[in-house]
C-alpha atoms as a PDB file:
ATOM      1  CA  MET A   1     -24.705  20.072  -1.672  1.00  0.00           C
ATOM      2  CA  SER A   2     -23.981  20.413  -5.470  1.00  0.00           C
ATOM      3  CA  GLN A   3     -23.675  17.537  -7.829  1.00  0.00           C
ATOM      4  CA  ASN A   4     -19.913  18.271  -8.031  1.00  0.00           C
ATOM      5  CA  THR A   5     -19.392  17.251  -4.432  1.00  0.00           C
ATOM      6  CA  SER A   6     -19.433  13.846  -2.812  1.00  0.00           C
ATOM      7  CA  LYS A   7     -21.900  12.840  -0.120  1.00  0.00           C
ATOM      8  CA  LYS A   8     -20.276  10.951   2.790  1.00  0.00           C
ATOM      9  CA  ILE A   9     -21.912   9.673   5.939  1.00  0.00           C
ATOM     10  CA  ILE A  10     -19.502  11.257   8.525  1.00  0.00           C
ATOM     11  CA  ASN A  11     -19.587  13.542  11.490  1.00  0.00           C
ATOM     12  CA  ASN A  12     -17.122  16.447  11.611  1.00  0.00           C
ATOM     13  CA  PRO A  13     -15.250  16.467   8.212  1.00  0.00           C
ATOM     14  CA  LEU A  14     -12.112  17.703  10.047  1.00  0.00           C
ATOM     15  CA  LYS A  15     -12.081  14.702  12.448  1.00  0.00           C
ATOM     16  CA  CYS A  16     -12.400  11.904   9.948  1.00  0.00           C
ATOM     17  CA  ALA A  17      -8.904  10.545  10.494  1.00  0.00           C
ATOM     18  CA  ASP A  18      -9.358  10.348  14.249  1.00  0.00           C
ATOM     19  CA  GLU A  19     -12.798   8.860  14.082  1.00  0.00           C
ATOM     20  CA  LEU A  20     -11.977   6.248  11.473  1.00  0.00           C
ATOM     21  CA  LEU A  21      -8.996   5.114  13.590  1.00  0.00           C
ATOM     22  CA  ASP A  22     -11.300   4.732  16.542  1.00  0.00           C
ATOM     23  CA  GLY A  23     -13.534   2.592  14.398  1.00  0.00           C
ATOM     24  CA  LEU A  24     -10.597   0.615  13.090  1.00  0.00           C
ATOM     25  CA  VAL A  25      -9.431  -0.287  16.582  1.00  0.00           C
ATOM     26  CA  LEU A  26     -12.947  -1.557  17.315  1.00  0.00           C
ATOM     27  CA  ALA A  27     -12.830  -3.627  14.118  1.00  0.00           C
ATOM     28  CA  TYR A  28      -9.841  -5.513  15.558  1.00  0.00           C
ATOM     29  CA  ASP A  29     -12.063  -6.839  18.399  1.00  0.00           C
ATOM     30  CA  GLY A  30      -9.509  -6.320  21.148  1.00  0.00           C
ATOM     31  CA  LYS A  31      -6.423  -7.513  19.190  1.00  0.00           C
ATOM     32  CA  ALA A  32      -5.156  -3.931  18.665  1.00  0.00           C
ATOM     33  CA  ARG A  33      -5.193  -0.677  20.560  1.00  0.00           C
ATOM     34  CA  LYS A  34      -4.934   2.988  19.868  1.00  0.00           C
ATOM     35  CA  VAL A  35      -1.675   4.583  20.956  1.00  0.00           C
ATOM     36  CA  GLY A  36      -1.078   8.293  21.535  1.00  0.00           C
ATOM     37  CA  THR A  37      -2.616  10.734  19.169  1.00  0.00           C
ATOM     38  CA  ARG A  38      -3.270   8.582  16.069  1.00  0.00           C
ATOM     39  CA  SER A  39      -1.448   5.251  16.015  1.00  0.00           C
ATOM     40  CA  ILE A  40      -2.585   1.658  16.125  1.00  0.00           C
ATOM     41  CA  VAL A  41      -0.555  -1.193  17.547  1.00  0.00           C
ATOM     42  CA  MET A  42      -1.173  -4.872  17.996  1.00  0.00           C
ATOM     43  CA  ASN A  43      -1.556  -6.049  21.576  1.00  0.00           C
ATOM     44  CA  ASP A  44       0.232  -9.412  21.183  1.00  0.00           C
ATOM     45  CA  LEU A  45       3.736  -8.744  19.915  1.00  0.00           C
ATOM     46  CA  ARG A  46       6.499 -11.288  19.601  1.00  0.00           C
ATOM     47  CA  PRO A  47       8.993 -10.539  22.375  1.00  0.00           C
ATOM     48  CA  ASN A  48      12.663  -9.669  21.701  1.00  0.00           C
ATOM     49  CA  ALA A  49      11.982  -9.199  18.038  1.00  0.00           C
ATOM     50  CA  PRO A  50      12.607  -6.437  15.455  1.00  0.00           C
ATOM     51  CA  ALA A  51       9.474  -4.425  14.835  1.00  0.00           C
ATOM     52  CA  LEU A  52       7.664  -3.499  11.619  1.00  0.00           C
ATOM     53  CA  LEU A  53       6.018  -0.056  11.581  1.00  0.00           C
ATOM     54  CA  VAL A  54       3.999   1.157   8.541  1.00  0.00           C
ATOM     55  CA  GLY A  55       2.159   4.325   8.025  1.00  0.00           C
ATOM     56  CA  GLY A  56       0.838   7.101   5.852  1.00  0.00           C
ATOM     57  CA  GLY A  57      -2.112   9.391   5.298  1.00  0.00           C
ATOM     58  CA  ALA A  58      -5.704   8.437   6.054  1.00  0.00           C
ATOM     59  CA  GLY A  59      -8.282   8.417   3.327  1.00  0.00           C
ATOM     60  CA  HIS A  60      -6.829   5.297   1.556  1.00  0.00           C
ATOM     61  CA  GLU A  61      -8.423   2.706   3.783  1.00  0.00           C
ATOM     62  CA  PRO A  62      -7.798   0.014   4.575  1.00  0.00           C
ATOM     63  CA  ILE A  63      -4.140   0.837   4.014  1.00  0.00           C
ATOM     64  CA  TYR A  64      -1.814   1.425   5.841  1.00  0.00           C
ATOM     65  CA  HIS A  65      -3.329   1.212   9.294  1.00  0.00           C
ATOM     66  CA  GLY A  66      -5.594  -1.698   8.259  1.00  0.00           C
ATOM     67  CA  LEU A  67      -2.525  -3.814   7.459  1.00  0.00           C
ATOM     68  CA  VAL A  68      -1.642  -4.137  11.132  1.00  0.00           C
ATOM     69  CA  GLY A  69      -2.103  -7.721  12.366  1.00  0.00           C
ATOM     70  CA  LYS A  70      -0.831 -11.156  12.873  1.00  0.00           C
ATOM     71  CA  GLY A  71       1.896 -11.901  10.386  1.00  0.00           C
ATOM     72  CA  MET A  72       1.443  -8.301   9.087  1.00  0.00           C
ATOM     73  CA  ALA A  73       2.673  -4.978  10.503  1.00  0.00           C
ATOM     74  CA  ASP A  74       3.130  -4.559  14.293  1.00  0.00           C
ATOM     75  CA  GLY A  75       1.751  -1.068  14.158  1.00  0.00           C
ATOM     76  CA  ALA A  76       0.924   1.988  12.037  1.00  0.00           C
ATOM     77  CA  ALA A  77       1.292   5.728  12.278  1.00  0.00           C
ATOM     78  CA  CYS A  78      -1.737   7.421  10.779  1.00  0.00           C
ATOM     79  CA  GLY A  79      -1.758  10.875   9.229  1.00  0.00           C
ATOM     80  CA  ASP A  80      -4.714  13.118   8.500  1.00  0.00           C
ATOM     81  CA  ILE A  81      -6.671  12.674   5.245  1.00  0.00           C
ATOM     82  CA  PHE A  82      -4.115  12.420   2.402  1.00  0.00           C
ATOM     83  CA  ALA A  83      -1.381  13.828   4.782  1.00  0.00           C
ATOM     84  CA  ALA A  84       1.719  12.180   6.278  1.00  0.00           C
ATOM     85  CA  PRO A  85       1.675  11.357   9.966  1.00  0.00           C
ATOM     86  CA  PRO A  86       3.455  14.076  11.952  1.00  0.00           C
ATOM     87  CA  PRO A  87       6.826  13.157  13.594  1.00  0.00           C
ATOM     88  CA  ASP A  88       5.317  13.007  17.119  1.00  0.00           C
ATOM     89  CA  ILE A  89       2.806  10.430  15.949  1.00  0.00           C
ATOM     90  CA  VAL A  90       5.597   8.469  14.256  1.00  0.00           C
ATOM     91  CA  LEU A  91       7.529   8.560  17.503  1.00  0.00           C
ATOM     92  CA  GLU A  92       4.582   7.393  19.554  1.00  0.00           C
ATOM     93  CA  ALA A  93       4.053   4.425  17.301  1.00  0.00           C
ATOM     94  CA  THR A  94       7.812   3.670  17.333  1.00  0.00           C
ATOM     95  CA  GLN A  95       7.950   3.585  21.097  1.00  0.00           C
ATOM     96  CA  ALA A  96       4.930   1.363  21.227  1.00  0.00           C
ATOM     97  CA  VAL A  97       6.201  -1.331  18.783  1.00  0.00           C
ATOM     98  CA  ASN A  98       9.821  -1.301  19.954  1.00  0.00           C
ATOM     99  CA  ARG A  99      10.896  -4.441  21.804  1.00  0.00           C
ATOM    100  CA  GLY A 100      14.571  -3.680  22.037  1.00  0.00           C
ATOM    101  CA  LYS A 101      15.601  -5.091  18.650  1.00  0.00           C
ATOM    102  CA  GLY A 102      14.994  -1.979  16.575  1.00  0.00           C
ATOM    103  CA  VAL A 103      12.182  -0.849  14.284  1.00  0.00           C
ATOM    104  CA  LEU A 104      11.867  -0.891  10.510  1.00  0.00           C
ATOM    105  CA  TYR A 105       9.867   1.954   8.932  1.00  0.00           C
ATOM    106  CA  LEU A 106       8.115   0.759   5.719  1.00  0.00           C
ATOM    107  CA  TYR A 107       6.082   3.272   3.821  1.00  0.00           C
ATOM    108  CA  GLY A 108       5.371   4.831   0.430  1.00  0.00           C
ATOM    109  CA  ASN A 109       7.642   7.297  -1.390  1.00  0.00           C
ATOM    110  CA  TYR A 110       5.968  10.632  -0.758  1.00  0.00           C
ATOM    111  CA  ALA A 111       7.866  13.746   0.219  1.00  0.00           C
ATOM    112  CA  GLY A 112       5.828  14.381   3.402  1.00  0.00           C
ATOM    113  CA  ASP A 113       6.118  10.824   4.595  1.00  0.00           C
ATOM    114  CA  VAL A 114       9.833  10.685   3.966  1.00  0.00           C
ATOM    115  CA  MET A 115      10.403  13.982   5.883  1.00  0.00           C
ATOM    116  CA  ASN A 116       8.224  13.105   8.865  1.00  0.00           C
ATOM    117  CA  PHE A 117       9.372   9.525   9.233  1.00  0.00           C
ATOM    118  CA  ASP A 118      13.008  10.696   9.026  1.00  0.00           C
ATOM    119  CA  ILE A 119      12.363  13.170  11.840  1.00  0.00           C
ATOM    120  CA  GLY A 120      10.631  10.454  13.732  1.00  0.00           C
ATOM    121  CA  ALA A 121      13.658   8.211  13.336  1.00  0.00           C
ATOM    122  CA  GLU A 122      15.895  11.042  14.681  1.00  0.00           C
ATOM    123  CA  LEU A 123      13.610  11.506  17.707  1.00  0.00           C
ATOM    124  CA  ALA A 124      13.694   7.682  18.324  1.00  0.00           C
ATOM    125  CA  ALA A 125      17.418   7.608  18.094  1.00  0.00           C
ATOM    126  CA  GLU A 126      17.636  10.218  20.832  1.00  0.00           C
ATOM    127  CA  GLU A 127      15.741   7.702  23.002  1.00  0.00           C
ATOM    128  CA  GLY A 128      18.157   4.857  22.038  1.00  0.00           C
ATOM    129  CA  ILE A 129      15.812   3.183  19.583  1.00  0.00           C
ATOM    130  CA  THR A 130      17.528   1.907  16.449  1.00  0.00           C
ATOM    131  CA  VAL A 131      15.473   2.666  13.263  1.00  0.00           C
ATOM    132  CA  LYS A 132      16.046   1.636   9.696  1.00  0.00           C
ATOM    133  CA  THR A 133      13.924   2.546   6.681  1.00  0.00           C
ATOM    134  CA  VAL A 134      12.763   0.811   3.501  1.00  0.00           C
ATOM    135  CA  ILE A 135      10.770   2.964   1.124  1.00  0.00           C
ATOM    136  CA  ILE A 136       8.139   1.490  -1.210  1.00  0.00           C
ATOM    137  CA  ALA A 137       8.403   2.799  -4.769  1.00  0.00           C
ATOM    138  CA  ASP A 138       6.619   0.330  -6.986  1.00  0.00           C
ATOM    139  CA  ASP A 139       4.837   2.628  -9.438  1.00  0.00           C
ATOM    140  CA  VAL A 140       6.425   2.148 -12.869  1.00  0.00           C
ATOM    141  CA  ALA A 141       4.576   5.013 -14.440  1.00  0.00           C
ATOM    142  CA  SER A 142       5.961   7.751 -12.115  1.00  0.00           C
ATOM    143  CA  ALA A 143       9.620   7.539 -13.103  1.00  0.00           C
ATOM    144  CA  PRO A 144      11.877   5.480 -15.397  1.00  0.00           C
ATOM    145  CA  PRO A 145      14.079   2.707 -13.964  1.00  0.00           C
ATOM    146  CA  SER A 146      17.016   5.054 -13.921  1.00  0.00           C
ATOM    147  CA  LYS A 147      15.225   7.256 -11.421  1.00  0.00           C
ATOM    148  CA  LYS A 148      13.611   4.531  -9.191  1.00  0.00           C
ATOM    149  CA  ASN A 149      14.108   6.603  -6.105  1.00  0.00           C
ATOM    150  CA  GLN A 150      11.561   9.124  -7.478  1.00  0.00           C
ATOM    151  CA  ARG A 151       8.766   6.517  -7.987  1.00  0.00           C
ATOM    152  CA  ARG A 152       5.628   6.629  -5.903  1.00  0.00           C
ATOM    153  CA  GLY A 153       4.531   3.825  -3.598  1.00  0.00           C
ATOM    154  CA  VAL A 154       1.177   2.455  -4.761  1.00  0.00           C
ATOM    155  CA  ALA A 155      -0.753  -0.907  -4.500  1.00  0.00           C
ATOM    156  CA  GLY A 156       2.395  -2.977  -4.473  1.00  0.00           C
ATOM    157  CA  LEU A 157       2.562  -1.986  -0.775  1.00  0.00           C
ATOM    158  CA  VAL A 158       0.045  -4.771  -0.013  1.00  0.00           C
ATOM    159  CA  PRO A 159       2.257  -7.735  -1.063  1.00  0.00           C
ATOM    160  CA  ILE A 160       5.333  -5.936   0.269  1.00  0.00           C
ATOM    161  CA  VAL A 161       3.845  -5.378   3.725  1.00  0.00           C
ATOM    162  CA  LYS A 162       2.552  -8.973   3.788  1.00  0.00           C
ATOM    163  CA  LEU A 163       6.086 -10.329   2.971  1.00  0.00           C
ATOM    164  CA  ALA A 164       7.758  -7.911   5.447  1.00  0.00           C
ATOM    165  CA  GLY A 165       5.169  -8.841   8.099  1.00  0.00           C
ATOM    166  CA  ALA A 166       5.843 -12.549   7.589  1.00  0.00           C
ATOM    167  CA  ALA A 167       9.608 -11.851   7.939  1.00  0.00           C
ATOM    168  CA  ALA A 168       8.990  -9.876  11.119  1.00  0.00           C
ATOM    169  CA  SER A 169       7.312 -12.889  12.626  1.00  0.00           C
ATOM    170  CA  GLN A 170      10.360 -15.071  11.895  1.00  0.00           C
ATOM    171  CA  VAL A 171      13.679 -13.196  11.926  1.00  0.00           C
ATOM    172  CA  ASP A 172      15.698 -12.116  14.963  1.00  0.00           C
ATOM    173  CA  THR A 173      17.548  -9.100  13.688  1.00  0.00           C
ATOM    174  CA  LEU A 174      16.613  -5.721  12.242  1.00  0.00           C
ATOM    175  CA  ASP A 175      19.204  -6.090   9.445  1.00  0.00           C
ATOM    176  CA  GLU A 176      17.532  -9.368   8.283  1.00  0.00           C
ATOM    177  CA  LEU A 177      14.075  -7.746   8.314  1.00  0.00           C
ATOM    178  CA  VAL A 178      15.459  -4.875   6.264  1.00  0.00           C
ATOM    179  CA  ARG A 179      17.025  -7.183   3.776  1.00  0.00           C
ATOM    180  CA  ILE A 180      13.836  -9.071   3.147  1.00  0.00           C
ATOM    181  CA  ALA A 181      11.623  -6.037   2.984  1.00  0.00           C
ATOM    182  CA  GLN A 182      14.005  -4.402   0.466  1.00  0.00           C
ATOM    183  CA  LYS A 183      13.948  -7.610  -1.633  1.00  0.00           C
ATOM    184  CA  ALA A 184      10.089  -7.602  -1.593  1.00  0.00           C
ATOM    185  CA  CYS A 185      10.189  -3.962  -2.892  1.00  0.00           C
ATOM    186  CA  ASP A 186      12.807  -4.802  -5.497  1.00  0.00           C
ATOM    187  CA  ASN A 187      10.631  -7.639  -6.787  1.00  0.00           C
ATOM    188  CA  THR A 188       7.340  -5.670  -7.043  1.00  0.00           C
ATOM    189  CA  ARG A 189       6.023  -3.455  -9.815  1.00  0.00           C
ATOM    190  CA  SER A 190       2.657  -1.767 -10.136  1.00  0.00           C
ATOM    191  CA  VAL A 191       0.719   0.427 -12.592  1.00  0.00           C
ATOM    192  CA  GLY A 192      -2.708   2.033 -12.187  1.00  0.00           C
ATOM    193  CA  VAL A 193      -5.348   3.793 -14.227  1.00  0.00           C
ATOM    194  CA  SER A 194      -8.193   6.072 -13.189  1.00  0.00           C
ATOM    195  CA  THR A 195     -11.573   6.826 -14.629  1.00  0.00           C
ATOM    196  CA  LYS A 196     -12.958   9.152 -11.944  1.00  0.00           C
ATOM    197  CA  PRO A 197     -11.458  11.226  -9.090  1.00  0.00           C
ATOM    198  CA  GLY A 198     -12.033  10.727  -5.425  1.00  0.00           C
ATOM    199  CA  SER A 199     -12.721  13.663  -3.117  1.00  0.00           C
ATOM    200  CA  ILE A 200     -11.559  15.360   0.060  1.00  0.00           C
ATOM    201  CA  PRO A 201     -14.003  14.814   2.961  1.00  0.00           C
ATOM    202  CA  ALA A 202     -13.541  18.333   4.311  1.00  0.00           C
ATOM    203  CA  THR A 203     -14.843  19.853   1.105  1.00  0.00           C
ATOM    204  CA  GLY A 204     -16.426  17.078  -0.898  1.00  0.00           C
ATOM    205  CA  ALA A 205     -14.494  18.532  -3.894  1.00  0.00           C
ATOM    206  CA  PRO A 206     -12.810  16.165  -6.400  1.00  0.00           C
ATOM    207  CA  THR A 207      -9.031  15.797  -6.076  1.00  0.00           C
ATOM    208  CA  PHE A 208      -8.585  16.256  -9.809  1.00  0.00           C
ATOM    209  CA  GLU A 209     -10.592  16.565 -13.085  1.00  0.00           C
ATOM    210  CA  LEU A 210     -10.929  13.820 -15.683  1.00  0.00           C
ATOM    211  CA  ALA A 211     -13.210  13.842 -18.767  1.00  0.00           C
ATOM    212  CA  ASN A 212     -15.701  11.073 -19.124  1.00  0.00           C
ATOM    213  CA  ASP A 213     -14.252   9.851 -22.436  1.00  0.00           C
ATOM    214  CA  VAL A 214     -10.635   9.319 -21.229  1.00  0.00           C
ATOM    215  CA  ILE A 215      -8.633   7.114 -18.851  1.00  0.00           C
ATOM    216  CA  GLY A 216      -5.730   8.429 -16.868  1.00  0.00           C
ATOM    217  CA  LEU A 217      -2.998   5.814 -17.678  1.00  0.00           C
ATOM    218  CA  GLY A 218      -0.424   5.559 -14.862  1.00  0.00           C
ATOM    219  CA  MET A 219      -2.161   8.123 -12.726  1.00  0.00           C
ATOM    220  CA  GLY A 220      -1.304   8.048  -9.014  1.00  0.00           C
ATOM    221  CA  ILE A 221      -3.729   7.401  -6.171  1.00  0.00           C
ATOM    222  CA  HIS A 222      -4.213  11.125  -5.549  1.00  0.00           C
ATOM    223  CA  GLY A 223      -4.444  11.974  -9.204  1.00  0.00           C
ATOM    224  CA  GLU A 224      -0.754  12.514  -9.795  1.00  0.00           C
ATOM    225  CA  LYS A 225       0.238  12.654 -13.433  1.00  0.00           C
ATOM    226  CA  GLY A 226       1.003   9.384 -15.146  1.00  0.00           C
ATOM    227  CA  ILE A 227       1.992   8.382 -18.671  1.00  0.00           C
ATOM    228  CA  GLY A 228      -0.942  10.364 -20.097  1.00  0.00           C
ATOM    229  CA  LEU A 229      -4.542  10.222 -21.121  1.00  0.00           C
ATOM    230  CA  ILE A 230      -5.879   7.559 -23.398  1.00  0.00           C
ATOM    231  CA  PRO A 231      -9.405   7.190 -24.909  1.00  0.00           C
ATOM    232  CA  MET A 232     -11.891   5.188 -22.899  1.00  0.00           C
ATOM    233  CA  CYS A 233     -11.579   1.601 -23.955  1.00  0.00           C
ATOM    234  CA  THR A 234     -12.575  -1.945 -23.122  1.00  0.00           C
ATOM    235  CA  ALA A 235     -11.046  -4.242 -20.484  1.00  0.00           C
ATOM    236  CA  ASP A 236      -9.532  -6.421 -23.206  1.00  0.00           C
ATOM    237  CA  GLU A 237      -7.868  -3.323 -24.720  1.00  0.00           C
ATOM    238  CA  LEU A 238      -6.722  -1.823 -21.356  1.00  0.00           C
ATOM    239  CA  ALA A 239      -5.246  -4.905 -19.665  1.00  0.00           C
ATOM    240  CA  PRO A 240      -2.363  -5.385 -22.179  1.00  0.00           C
ATOM    241  CA  ARG A 241      -1.514  -1.698 -22.134  1.00  0.00           C
ATOM    242  CA  MET A 242      -1.174  -1.791 -18.341  1.00  0.00           C
ATOM    243  CA  LEU A 243       0.862  -4.997 -18.355  1.00  0.00           C
ATOM    244  CA  ASP A 244       3.171  -3.728 -21.098  1.00  0.00           C
ATOM    245  CA  LEU A 245       4.240  -0.970 -18.768  1.00  0.00           C
ATOM    246  CA  ILE A 246       5.329  -3.559 -16.217  1.00  0.00           C
ATOM    247  CA  PHE A 247       6.846  -5.931 -18.694  1.00  0.00           C
ATOM    248  CA  GLY A 248       8.834  -2.980 -20.176  1.00  0.00           C
ATOM    249  CA  ASP A 249      10.434  -2.217 -16.840  1.00  0.00           C
ATOM    250  CA  ASP A 250      13.550  -3.599 -15.322  1.00  0.00           C
ATOM    251  CA  LEU A 251      11.942  -6.411 -13.326  1.00  0.00           C
ATOM    252  CA  ALA A 252      13.205  -9.499 -15.147  1.00  0.00           C
ATOM    253  CA  LEU A 253      10.112 -11.680 -15.576  1.00  0.00           C
ATOM    254  CA  ASN A 254      11.081 -14.968 -17.300  1.00  0.00           C
ATOM    255  CA  ALA A 255       9.138 -18.077 -18.261  1.00  0.00           C
ATOM    256  CA  GLY A 256       8.728 -20.240 -15.200  1.00  0.00           C
ATOM    257  CA  ASP A 257       8.869 -17.360 -12.695  1.00  0.00           C
ATOM    258  CA  GLU A 258       6.179 -17.543  -9.965  1.00  0.00           C
ATOM    259  CA  ILE A 259       4.354 -14.367  -9.171  1.00  0.00           C
ATOM    260  CA  VAL A 260       1.637 -12.881  -6.947  1.00  0.00           C
ATOM    261  CA  PHE A 261      -0.793 -10.944  -9.166  1.00  0.00           C
ATOM    262  CA  PHE A 262      -2.849  -8.208  -7.365  1.00  0.00           C
ATOM    263  CA  VAL A 263      -5.788  -6.546  -9.086  1.00  0.00           C
ATOM    264  CA  ASN A 264      -6.814  -3.548  -6.928  1.00  0.00           C
ATOM    265  CA  SER A 265      -9.760  -1.191  -7.009  1.00  0.00           C
ATOM    266  CA  LEU A 266      -8.985   2.395  -6.199  1.00  0.00           C
ATOM    267  CA  GLY A 267     -12.233   2.764  -4.385  1.00  0.00           C
ATOM    268  CA  SER A 268     -15.479   2.710  -6.382  1.00  0.00           C
ATOM    269  CA  THR A 269     -14.550   0.360  -9.208  1.00  0.00           C
ATOM    270  CA  HIS A 270     -16.689  -2.709  -8.714  1.00  0.00           C
ATOM    271  CA  MET A 271     -15.575  -6.309  -8.422  1.00  0.00           C
ATOM    272  CA  MET A 272     -17.320  -6.979 -11.710  1.00  0.00           C
ATOM    273  CA  GLU A 273     -14.840  -4.745 -13.516  1.00  0.00           C
ATOM    274  CA  LEU A 274     -11.846  -6.176 -11.622  1.00  0.00           C
ATOM    275  CA  LEU A 275     -12.771  -9.694 -12.555  1.00  0.00           C
ATOM    276  CA  ILE A 276     -13.277  -8.774 -16.229  1.00  0.00           C
ATOM    277  CA  LEU A 277      -9.842  -7.141 -16.256  1.00  0.00           C
ATOM    278  CA  LEU A 278      -8.402 -10.255 -14.544  1.00  0.00           C
ATOM    279  CA  ARG A 279     -10.011 -12.386 -17.251  1.00  0.00           C
ATOM    280  CA  ALA A 280      -8.126 -10.212 -19.838  1.00  0.00           C
ATOM    281  CA  ALA A 281      -4.815 -10.138 -18.015  1.00  0.00           C
ATOM    282  CA  ARG A 282      -4.421 -13.770 -16.934  1.00  0.00           C
ATOM    283  CA  PRO A 283      -3.887 -15.234 -20.470  1.00  0.00           C
ATOM    284  CA  ILE A 284      -1.268 -12.569 -21.196  1.00  0.00           C
ATOM    285  CA  LEU A 285       0.661 -13.532 -18.013  1.00  0.00           C
ATOM    286  CA  GLU A 286       0.378 -17.207 -18.790  1.00  0.00           C
ATOM    287  CA  GLY A 287       1.387 -16.588 -22.391  1.00  0.00           C
ATOM    288  CA  ARG A 288       4.734 -15.311 -21.136  1.00  0.00           C
ATOM    289  CA  GLY A 289       5.185 -18.501 -19.143  1.00  0.00           C
ATOM    290  CA  LEU A 290       4.666 -16.852 -15.781  1.00  0.00           C
ATOM    291  CA  ARG A 291       3.185 -19.106 -13.055  1.00  0.00           C
ATOM    292  CA  ILE A 292       0.583 -17.358 -10.862  1.00  0.00           C
ATOM    293  CA  HIS A 293       1.192 -18.509  -7.321  1.00  0.00           C
ATOM    294  CA  GLN A 294      -1.685 -16.394  -5.964  1.00  0.00           C
ATOM    295  CA  THR A 295      -4.192 -13.959  -7.359  1.00  0.00           C
ATOM    296  CA  ILE A 296      -5.622 -11.151  -5.166  1.00  0.00           C
ATOM    297  CA  VAL A 297      -8.743  -9.250  -6.325  1.00  0.00           C
ATOM    298  CA  ASP A 298      -9.813  -6.568  -3.859  1.00  0.00           C
ATOM    299  CA  ASN A 299     -10.056  -2.912  -2.956  1.00  0.00           C
ATOM    300  CA  ILE A 300      -7.214  -2.393  -0.466  1.00  0.00           C
ATOM    301  CA  VAL A 301      -5.352   0.666  -1.733  1.00  0.00           C
ATOM    302  CA  THR A 302      -8.077   3.265  -2.307  1.00  0.00           C
ATOM    303  CA  CYS A 303      -8.607   7.018  -2.579  1.00  0.00           C
ATOM    304  CA  GLN A 304     -12.141   7.545  -1.283  1.00  0.00           C
ATOM    305  CA  GLU A 305     -14.570   7.004  -4.175  1.00  0.00           C
ATOM    306  CA  MET A 306     -11.902   7.275  -6.865  1.00  0.00           C
ATOM    307  CA  ALA A 307     -12.695   4.908  -9.757  1.00  0.00           C
ATOM    308  CA  GLY A 308      -9.803   2.922 -11.390  1.00  0.00           C
ATOM    309  CA  VAL A 309      -7.714  -0.131 -11.046  1.00  0.00           C
ATOM    310  CA  SER A 310      -4.107  -1.135 -10.585  1.00  0.00           C
ATOM    311  CA  PHE A 311      -2.124  -4.214 -11.365  1.00  0.00           C
ATOM    312  CA  SER A 312       0.771  -5.284  -9.215  1.00  0.00           C
ATOM    313  CA  ILE A 313       3.179  -8.105  -9.828  1.00  0.00           C
ATOM    314  CA  THR A 314       5.523  -9.497  -7.150  1.00  0.00           C
ATOM    315  CA  LYS A 315       8.074 -12.011  -8.314  1.00  0.00           C
ATOM    316  CA  LEU A 316       8.697 -14.781  -5.786  1.00  0.00           C
ATOM    317  CA  ASP A 317      11.990 -16.624  -5.225  1.00  0.00           C
ATOM    318  CA  ALA A 318      12.223 -19.554  -2.808  1.00  0.00           C
ATOM    319  CA  GLU A 319      12.650 -17.283   0.192  1.00  0.00           C
ATOM    320  CA  LEU A 320       9.771 -14.931  -0.577  1.00  0.00           C
ATOM    321  CA  LYS A 321       7.460 -17.850  -1.598  1.00  0.00           C
ATOM    322  CA  LYS A 322       7.947 -19.405   1.873  1.00  0.00           C
ATOM    323  CA  LEU A 323       7.172 -16.143   3.564  1.00  0.00           C
ATOM    324  CA  TRP A 324       4.183 -15.541   1.260  1.00  0.00           C
ATOM    325  CA  ASP A 325       2.627 -18.887   2.177  1.00  0.00           C
ATOM    326  CA  LEU A 326       2.622 -18.070   5.930  1.00  0.00           C
ATOM    327  CA  PRO A 327      -0.862 -17.114   7.076  1.00  0.00           C
ATOM    328  CA  CYS A 328      -1.654 -13.507   8.074  1.00  0.00           C
ATOM    329  CA  GLU A 329      -4.649 -11.720   9.573  1.00  0.00           C
ATOM    330  CA  SER A 330      -5.594  -8.091   9.431  1.00  0.00           C
ATOM    331  CA  VAL A 331      -8.669  -5.946   8.638  1.00  0.00           C
ATOM    332  CA  GLY A 332      -7.286  -4.980   5.287  1.00  0.00           C
ATOM    333  CA  TYR A 333      -5.843  -8.332   4.082  1.00  0.00           C
ATOM    334  CA  THR A 334      -6.050 -11.837   5.470  1.00  0.00           C
ATOM    335  CA  LYS A 335      -4.405 -14.975   4.111  1.00  0.00           C
ATOM    336  CA  LEU A 336      -5.476 -18.297   5.586  1.00  0.00           C
END
């Protein structure tokens, strides 16, 4: 294997998505089960309640399928590595989570996911299952505010799924679940940077190229183009540049507002770097009069061994704060 490929401790590179899902089910210690071809669903679901179904491509663990749990998503449809789940898998997951009150699809804004989940919704409708969709599009670097519907869904999905999962544990109607999930999306913005690509397990080849002396500002979790390339710089220099992209967007952040601040590693960026970036970012947030209700520092939205970091801000109002404070438990994110 050449130095340009990535070494991974796996079995058949073409079966990674299936085998990781088997392992994920085992990691839930009997609280979740595999359904159909490649879906995961919680065993203990609140009866007569609207369901929350998330999903997306594998290779970004622990999202999305690791965000299934108590106070989180009811189930997840899992695609192949960096690929949307096919409609039949979406349908299998929909059938498994449905308890007669309808199902909310919550996923990131990527063309393949939109197409396949839409087809899955049509198949579910033929069986009498009501489905509604909320699409996560929190990446401020991928399109201007006037074209929000073109933005990618990135690390903001973590607080969004947490809030929607909390709502799913409380509300009685699908419309109410949709309303709260959409509010969580509307109140969340993210921006990411990359310093090294990840790789595709089937080939070990990097997903994009990036010189050692630059940072990809606003680059997506697969290497999609962002704002541009900037010279490699320090954490104290990078943090304000990232935050300025969020502050310059249309999310009104005023003194006194309470927020959740999420610092996410894209895979191989160490906790050391995340904490140094948090050290740089926190005084900037406080200098604007923002009140940090909770800070999350973790690697939850990843792209194999891609190096980089993202910042996500979720603005809380009284309703969202109450939902945020509810406990949740999943492999990917747990709040006591």
